[in-house]
Amino acid sequence: MGIPVRAIETTGVIDKKSQLRLDTPLPVVGPSRVRIIVLFPEEEHEEISESEWLRAAATNPAFDFLREPEEDIYTLADGRPFYDKG
């Protein structure tokens, strides 16, 4: 029987030096050895489109807690409109 492991899904960029740069810090206290699985398209593509990001976030089970009624704390009357003056 193997050692239990925990998976964390995140995103990042592989730079020109072939080094992985994560978009956000990992919730891991280090130093610690980790095992990395890198998934990337077989063909060269441009950046992931905004609609792809939104679809991925909307279907990712990591955000399921946001559908709970106690998380629904804002209404359309909250806040003020933002008008970009740039």
N, C-alpha and C. Protein backbone atom coordinates (compact mmCIF):
# COMPACT_ATOMS: atom_id res chain seq x y z
N MET A 1 0.85 -1.18 0.00
CA MET A 1 0.00 0.00 0.00
C MET A 1 0.89 1.24 0.00
N GLY A 2 0.56 2.23 -0.86
CA GLY A 2 1.37 3.43 -1.00
C GLY A 2 1.05 4.47 0.06
N ILE A 3 1.82 5.52 0.02
CA ILE A 3 1.62 6.65 0.92
C ILE A 3 0.45 7.48 0.41
N PRO A 4 -0.50 7.87 1.29
CA PRO A 4 -1.62 8.71 0.83
C PRO A 4 -1.10 10.05 0.32
N VAL A 5 -1.70 10.54 -0.75
CA VAL A 5 -1.30 11.82 -1.31
C VAL A 5 -2.53 12.72 -1.45
N ARG A 6 -2.28 14.03 -1.53
CA ARG A 6 -3.34 15.00 -1.72
C ARG A 6 -3.02 15.75 -3.01
N ALA A 7 -4.02 16.01 -3.82
CA ALA A 7 -3.82 16.72 -5.09
C ALA A 7 -4.31 18.15 -4.96
N ILE A 8 -3.58 19.06 -5.58
CA ILE A 8 -3.95 20.47 -5.64
C ILE A 8 -3.93 20.86 -7.11
N GLU A 9 -5.02 21.44 -7.59
CA GLU A 9 -5.05 21.91 -8.97
C GLU A 9 -4.77 23.40 -9.00
N THR A 10 -3.83 23.81 -9.82
CA THR A 10 -3.50 25.22 -9.97
C THR A 10 -3.06 25.45 -11.40
N THR A 11 -2.76 26.67 -11.74
CA THR A 11 -2.30 27.00 -13.08
C THR A 11 -0.99 27.75 -13.01
N GLY A 12 -0.31 27.82 -14.10
CA GLY A 12 0.95 28.53 -14.15
C GLY A 12 1.44 28.66 -15.57
N VAL A 13 2.67 29.11 -15.71
CA VAL A 13 3.28 29.33 -17.01
C VAL A 13 4.67 28.71 -17.00
N ILE A 14 5.03 28.08 -18.08
CA ILE A 14 6.41 27.62 -18.24
C ILE A 14 7.14 28.71 -19.01
N ASP A 15 8.16 29.29 -18.39
CA ASP A 15 8.85 30.44 -19.00
C ASP A 15 9.87 29.99 -20.04
N LYS A 16 10.60 30.96 -20.59
CA LYS A 16 11.57 30.68 -21.65
C LYS A 16 12.73 29.81 -21.18
N LYS A 17 12.95 29.74 -19.87
CA LYS A 17 14.01 28.89 -19.32
C LYS A 17 13.46 27.52 -18.92
N SER A 18 12.23 27.21 -19.34
CA SER A 18 11.55 25.95 -19.04
C SER A 18 11.29 25.77 -17.55
N GLN A 19 11.17 26.87 -16.82
CA GLN A 19 10.85 26.81 -15.40
C GLN A 19 9.37 27.09 -15.19
N LEU A 20 8.76 26.33 -14.31
CA LEU A 20 7.34 26.47 -14.02
C LEU A 20 7.13 27.61 -13.03
N ARG A 21 6.29 28.57 -13.39
CA ARG A 21 5.92 29.69 -12.52
C ARG A 21 4.43 29.59 -12.24
N LEU A 22 4.06 29.37 -10.98
CA LEU A 22 2.66 29.21 -10.62
C LEU A 22 1.98 30.57 -10.51
N ASP A 23 0.68 30.60 -10.84
CA ASP A 23 -0.09 31.84 -10.76
C ASP A 23 -0.37 32.24 -9.32
N THR A 24 -0.47 31.28 -8.42
CA THR A 24 -0.73 31.55 -7.01
C THR A 24 0.14 30.65 -6.15
N PRO A 25 0.47 31.08 -4.93
CA PRO A 25 1.26 30.21 -4.05
C PRO A 25 0.48 28.94 -3.67
N LEU A 26 1.20 27.89 -3.43
CA LEU A 26 0.58 26.64 -3.01
C LEU A 26 0.30 26.67 -1.51
N PRO A 27 -0.78 26.02 -1.07
CA PRO A 27 -1.09 25.97 0.36
C PRO A 27 -0.31 24.84 1.04
N VAL A 28 1.00 24.86 0.89
CA VAL A 28 1.87 23.81 1.41
C VAL A 28 2.96 24.45 2.26
N VAL A 29 3.20 23.91 3.43
CA VAL A 29 4.29 24.39 4.27
C VAL A 29 5.54 23.62 3.85
N GLY A 30 6.57 24.35 3.48
CA GLY A 30 7.79 23.71 2.99
C GLY A 30 8.96 24.02 3.89
N PRO A 31 10.11 23.53 3.56
CA PRO A 31 10.39 22.81 2.33
C PRO A 31 9.79 21.41 2.34
N SER A 32 9.39 20.98 1.15
CA SER A 32 8.79 19.67 1.02
C SER A 32 8.94 19.19 -0.42
N ARG A 33 9.25 17.93 -0.60
CA ARG A 33 9.32 17.38 -1.96
C ARG A 33 7.89 17.14 -2.43
N VAL A 34 7.66 17.39 -3.70
CA VAL A 34 6.35 17.18 -4.30
C VAL A 34 6.52 16.44 -5.62
N ARG A 35 5.44 15.89 -6.07
CA ARG A 35 5.41 15.24 -7.38
C ARG A 35 4.53 16.11 -8.27
N ILE A 36 5.04 16.49 -9.42
CA ILE A 36 4.35 17.42 -10.31
C ILE A 36 3.90 16.69 -11.57
N ILE A 37 2.65 16.90 -11.96
CA ILE A 37 2.14 16.42 -13.24
C ILE A 37 1.77 17.66 -14.03
N VAL A 38 2.38 17.84 -15.18
CA VAL A 38 2.15 19.02 -16.00
C VAL A 38 1.27 18.63 -17.18
N LEU A 39 0.15 19.31 -17.35
CA LEU A 39 -0.75 19.07 -18.47
C LEU A 39 -0.69 20.28 -19.39
N PHE A 40 -0.49 20.02 -20.68
CA PHE A 40 -0.46 21.13 -21.64
C PHE A 40 -0.96 20.63 -22.98
N PRO A 41 -1.46 21.54 -23.82
CA PRO A 41 -1.97 21.12 -25.12
C PRO A 41 -0.86 20.55 -25.99
N GLU A 42 -1.20 19.59 -26.83
CA GLU A 42 -0.20 19.00 -27.73
C GLU A 42 0.24 19.98 -28.80
N GLU A 43 -0.65 20.87 -29.19
CA GLU A 43 -0.33 21.87 -30.20
C GLU A 43 -0.05 23.20 -29.51
N GLU A 44 0.70 24.05 -30.17
CA GLU A 44 0.94 25.38 -29.63
C GLU A 44 -0.35 26.20 -29.73
N HIS A 45 -0.77 26.77 -28.64
CA HIS A 45 -1.96 27.61 -28.61
C HIS A 45 -1.63 28.92 -27.93
N GLU A 46 -2.43 29.89 -28.22
CA GLU A 46 -2.31 31.16 -27.52
C GLU A 46 -2.84 30.98 -26.10
N GLU A 47 -2.93 32.07 -25.38
CA GLU A 47 -3.46 32.05 -24.02
C GLU A 47 -4.85 31.40 -24.00
N ILE A 48 -5.21 30.84 -22.88
CA ILE A 48 -6.55 30.29 -22.71
C ILE A 48 -7.53 31.45 -22.73
N SER A 49 -8.61 31.30 -23.47
CA SER A 49 -9.58 32.39 -23.61
C SER A 49 -10.32 32.62 -22.29
N GLU A 50 -10.87 33.82 -22.16
CA GLU A 50 -11.62 34.15 -20.94
C GLU A 50 -12.81 33.22 -20.76
N SER A 51 -13.48 32.87 -21.85
CA SER A 51 -14.63 31.98 -21.74
C SER A 51 -14.21 30.58 -21.28
N GLU A 52 -13.02 30.12 -21.70
CA GLU A 52 -12.52 28.82 -21.22
C GLU A 52 -12.22 28.87 -19.73
N TRP A 53 -11.60 29.98 -19.28
CA TRP A 53 -11.33 30.13 -17.85
C TRP A 53 -12.62 30.14 -17.05
N LEU A 54 -13.61 30.89 -17.52
CA LEU A 54 -14.89 30.98 -16.81
C LEU A 54 -15.58 29.62 -16.75
N ARG A 55 -15.56 28.89 -17.87
CA ARG A 55 -16.18 27.55 -17.88
C ARG A 55 -15.46 26.62 -16.92
N ALA A 56 -14.12 26.67 -16.92
CA ALA A 56 -13.35 25.82 -16.02
C ALA A 56 -13.65 26.15 -14.55
N ALA A 57 -13.72 27.44 -14.22
CA ALA A 57 -14.02 27.83 -12.84
C ALA A 57 -15.44 27.45 -12.45
N ALA A 58 -16.37 27.60 -13.38
CA ALA A 58 -17.78 27.31 -13.09
C ALA A 58 -18.03 25.82 -12.89
N THR A 59 -17.20 24.98 -13.49
CA THR A 59 -17.42 23.53 -13.38
C THR A 59 -16.45 22.85 -12.43
N ASN A 60 -15.51 23.61 -11.86
CA ASN A 60 -14.51 23.03 -10.96
C ASN A 60 -15.16 22.74 -9.61
N PRO A 61 -15.11 21.49 -9.12
CA PRO A 61 -15.73 21.17 -7.84
C PRO A 61 -15.09 21.89 -6.65
N ALA A 62 -13.92 22.48 -6.83
CA ALA A 62 -13.29 23.23 -5.73
C ALA A 62 -14.13 24.43 -5.32
N PHE A 63 -15.00 24.91 -6.23
CA PHE A 63 -15.82 26.08 -5.94
C PHE A 63 -17.27 25.73 -5.61
N ASP A 64 -17.56 24.46 -5.41
CA ASP A 64 -18.94 24.04 -5.11
C ASP A 64 -19.49 24.72 -3.85
N PHE A 65 -18.63 25.03 -2.90
CA PHE A 65 -19.10 25.66 -1.66
C PHE A 65 -19.78 27.01 -1.94
N LEU A 66 -19.46 27.65 -3.04
CA LEU A 66 -20.06 28.95 -3.35
C LEU A 66 -21.54 28.84 -3.70
N ARG A 67 -22.00 27.63 -3.97
CA ARG A 67 -23.42 27.41 -4.27
C ARG A 67 -24.26 27.25 -3.00
N GLU A 68 -23.62 27.17 -1.86
CA GLU A 68 -24.34 27.00 -0.60
C GLU A 68 -25.06 28.31 -0.23
N PRO A 69 -26.28 28.22 0.31
CA PRO A 69 -27.07 29.42 0.61
C PRO A 69 -26.36 30.41 1.54
N GLU A 70 -25.59 29.94 2.50
CA GLU A 70 -24.91 30.86 3.41
C GLU A 70 -23.82 31.69 2.72
N GLU A 71 -23.38 31.30 1.52
CA GLU A 71 -22.40 32.07 0.76
C GLU A 71 -23.06 33.17 -0.08
N ASP A 72 -24.36 33.12 -0.24
CA ASP A 72 -25.10 34.08 -1.06
C ASP A 72 -25.44 35.30 -0.20
N ILE A 73 -24.45 36.17 0.00
CA ILE A 73 -24.61 37.28 0.95
C ILE A 73 -24.76 38.64 0.26
N TYR A 74 -24.65 38.69 -1.07
CA TYR A 74 -24.75 39.97 -1.77
C TYR A 74 -26.01 40.04 -2.62
N THR A 75 -26.49 41.28 -2.83
CA THR A 75 -27.62 41.51 -3.72
C THR A 75 -27.21 42.51 -4.79
N LEU A 76 -28.05 42.73 -5.78
CA LEU A 76 -27.76 43.70 -6.81
C LEU A 76 -27.70 45.13 -6.26
N ALA A 77 -28.29 45.35 -5.07
CA ALA A 77 -28.29 46.69 -4.47
C ALA A 77 -26.98 46.99 -3.73
N ASP A 78 -26.13 45.99 -3.53
CA ASP A 78 -24.86 46.19 -2.83
C ASP A 78 -23.84 46.88 -3.73
N GLY A 79 -22.97 47.68 -3.10
CA GLY A 79 -21.87 48.29 -3.82
C GLY A 79 -22.26 49.47 -4.67
N ARG A 80 -21.29 49.99 -5.42
CA ARG A 80 -21.50 51.11 -6.31
C ARG A 80 -20.97 50.72 -7.69
N PRO A 81 -21.53 51.27 -8.74
CA PRO A 81 -21.04 50.97 -10.09
C PRO A 81 -19.62 51.48 -10.28
N PHE A 82 -18.84 50.79 -11.09
CA PHE A 82 -17.48 51.22 -11.41
C PHE A 82 -17.47 51.70 -12.86
N TYR A 83 -17.01 52.91 -13.06
CA TYR A 83 -16.91 53.45 -14.41
C TYR A 83 -15.44 53.71 -14.70
N ASP A 84 -14.89 53.02 -15.66
CA ASP A 84 -13.48 53.17 -16.03
C ASP A 84 -13.28 54.48 -16.76
N LYS A 85 -12.39 55.32 -16.23
CA LYS A 85 -12.16 56.63 -16.84
C LYS A 85 -10.92 56.61 -17.71
N GLY A 86 -10.34 55.43 -17.91
CA GLY A 86 -9.11 55.31 -18.69
C GLY A 86 -9.36 55.07 -20.08
